[in-house]
Amino acid sequence: MAYVITDLCAGVCEGECVDSCPTDAIDGPLDLQVLLGGGPAADALRKSGVQLYINPDDCIDCGACVAVCPTQAIVHEDDLSPSQERFRGINAAFYGLEA
């Protein structure tokens, strides 16, 4: 079982979840230090709709990321709504995995 990051993260990508994850299972498609550092570069990345992803193989189902997500973008895979189901595959595909 694993958690999934949905599109509610896109364009926001605050990154609290990255620091909260005990297994470092959360990544993004760019240098997270730039994003988390703030300033014009981070603002531009957020405007581009960048988001974070959870590696389903590394997630230990602890829920630490859920508690700190300011946008409620992180959902347990068993609780995904029909419109969110595609994010299971999107998160897995980011890591070259199949959902």
Protein backbone atom coordinates (compact mmCIF):
# COMPACT_ATOMS: atom_id res chain seq x y z
CA MET A 1 0.00 0.00 0.00
CA ALA A 2 1.12 3.54 -0.67
CA TYR A 3 0.11 7.16 -0.71
CA VAL A 4 -0.30 9.09 -3.96
CA ILE A 5 0.20 12.78 -4.72
CA THR A 6 -2.61 14.23 -6.83
CA ASP A 7 -2.81 17.35 -8.98
CA LEU A 8 -3.71 19.47 -5.95
CA CYS A 9 0.07 19.69 -5.52
CA ALA A 10 0.62 21.09 -9.02
CA GLY A 11 1.67 24.68 -8.98
CA VAL A 12 1.88 24.75 -5.18
CA CYS A 13 4.54 22.19 -4.35
CA GLU A 14 5.41 23.52 -0.89
CA GLY A 15 7.61 20.53 -0.06
CA GLU A 16 6.80 19.91 3.61
CA CYS A 17 6.10 16.31 2.66
CA VAL A 18 9.65 15.82 1.38
CA ASP A 19 11.13 16.59 4.78
CA SER A 20 8.51 14.53 6.63
CA CYS A 21 9.07 11.29 4.70
CA PRO A 22 11.22 8.84 6.68
CA THR A 23 12.14 6.83 3.57
CA ASP A 24 12.83 9.71 1.15
CA ALA A 25 10.07 8.38 -1.11
CA ILE A 26 8.99 11.82 -2.38
CA ASP A 27 10.66 13.53 -5.32
CA GLY A 28 9.97 15.97 -8.10
CA PRO A 29 11.15 16.45 -11.67
CA LEU A 30 13.63 19.15 -10.69
CA ASP A 31 16.10 20.20 -8.06
CA LEU A 32 13.93 20.39 -4.97
CA GLN A 33 16.40 22.72 -3.27
CA VAL A 34 15.59 25.38 -5.88
CA LEU A 35 11.89 24.90 -5.33
CA LEU A 36 12.11 24.85 -1.55
CA GLY A 37 14.55 27.78 -1.51
CA GLY A 38 11.92 30.28 -2.59
CA GLY A 39 12.45 33.39 -4.66
CA PRO A 40 11.86 34.04 -8.36
CA ALA A 41 13.14 30.65 -9.56
CA ALA A 42 10.81 28.77 -7.23
CA ASP A 43 7.88 31.00 -8.18
CA ALA A 44 8.48 30.32 -11.87
CA LEU A 45 8.56 26.57 -11.26
CA ARG A 46 5.33 26.68 -9.30
CA LYS A 47 3.64 28.64 -12.08
CA SER A 48 4.72 25.95 -14.54
CA GLY A 49 2.55 23.44 -12.66
CA VAL A 50 5.36 21.29 -11.29
CA GLN A 51 4.35 18.75 -8.66
CA LEU A 52 5.87 16.09 -6.42
CA TYR A 53 5.46 12.30 -6.62
CA ILE A 54 5.61 9.38 -4.18
CA ASN A 55 7.56 6.24 -5.07
CA PRO A 56 5.12 3.38 -4.34
CA ASP A 57 7.99 0.95 -3.78
CA ASP A 58 9.58 3.15 -1.11
CA CYS A 59 6.43 4.38 0.64
CA ILE A 60 5.95 2.61 3.98
CA ASP A 61 2.34 3.76 4.35
CA CYS A 62 3.07 5.81 7.48
CA GLY A 63 1.03 8.88 6.54
CA ALA A 64 3.59 11.41 7.80
CA CYS A 65 3.32 13.29 4.51
CA VAL A 66 -0.46 13.59 4.75
CA ALA A 67 -0.27 15.41 8.06
CA VAL A 68 1.94 18.20 6.66
CA CYS A 69 0.50 18.68 3.16
CA PRO A 70 -1.01 22.18 3.02
CA THR A 71 -3.18 21.38 -0.02
CA GLN A 72 -4.44 17.93 0.97
CA ALA A 73 -2.92 16.62 -2.26
CA ILE A 74 -1.77 13.34 -0.71
CA VAL A 75 -4.29 10.52 -0.66
CA HIS A 76 -3.97 6.87 0.31
CA GLU A 77 -4.28 4.75 -2.83
CA ASP A 78 -7.31 2.97 -1.36
CA ASP A 79 -9.09 6.31 -0.92
CA LEU A 80 -8.56 7.77 -4.40
CA SER A 81 -11.77 8.99 -6.00
CA PRO A 82 -12.55 7.76 -9.51
CA SER A 83 -11.29 11.06 -10.92
CA GLN A 84 -8.02 10.69 -8.96
CA GLU A 85 -7.31 7.04 -9.86
CA ARG A 86 -5.00 8.08 -12.72
CA PHE A 87 -2.56 9.56 -10.22
CA ARG A 88 -1.63 6.08 -8.97
CA GLY A 89 -0.16 5.43 -12.41
CA ILE A 90 1.26 8.94 -12.76
CA ASN A 91 3.19 8.65 -9.49
CA ALA A 92 4.48 5.15 -10.36
CA ALA A 93 5.43 6.17 -13.90
CA PHE A 94 7.58 9.03 -12.59
CA TYR A 95 9.82 6.32 -11.09
CA GLY A 96 9.64 4.04 -14.12
CA LEU A 97 7.25 1.66 -12.34
CA GLU A 98 3.84 0.27 -13.18
CA ALA A 99 0.92 0.96 -10.87
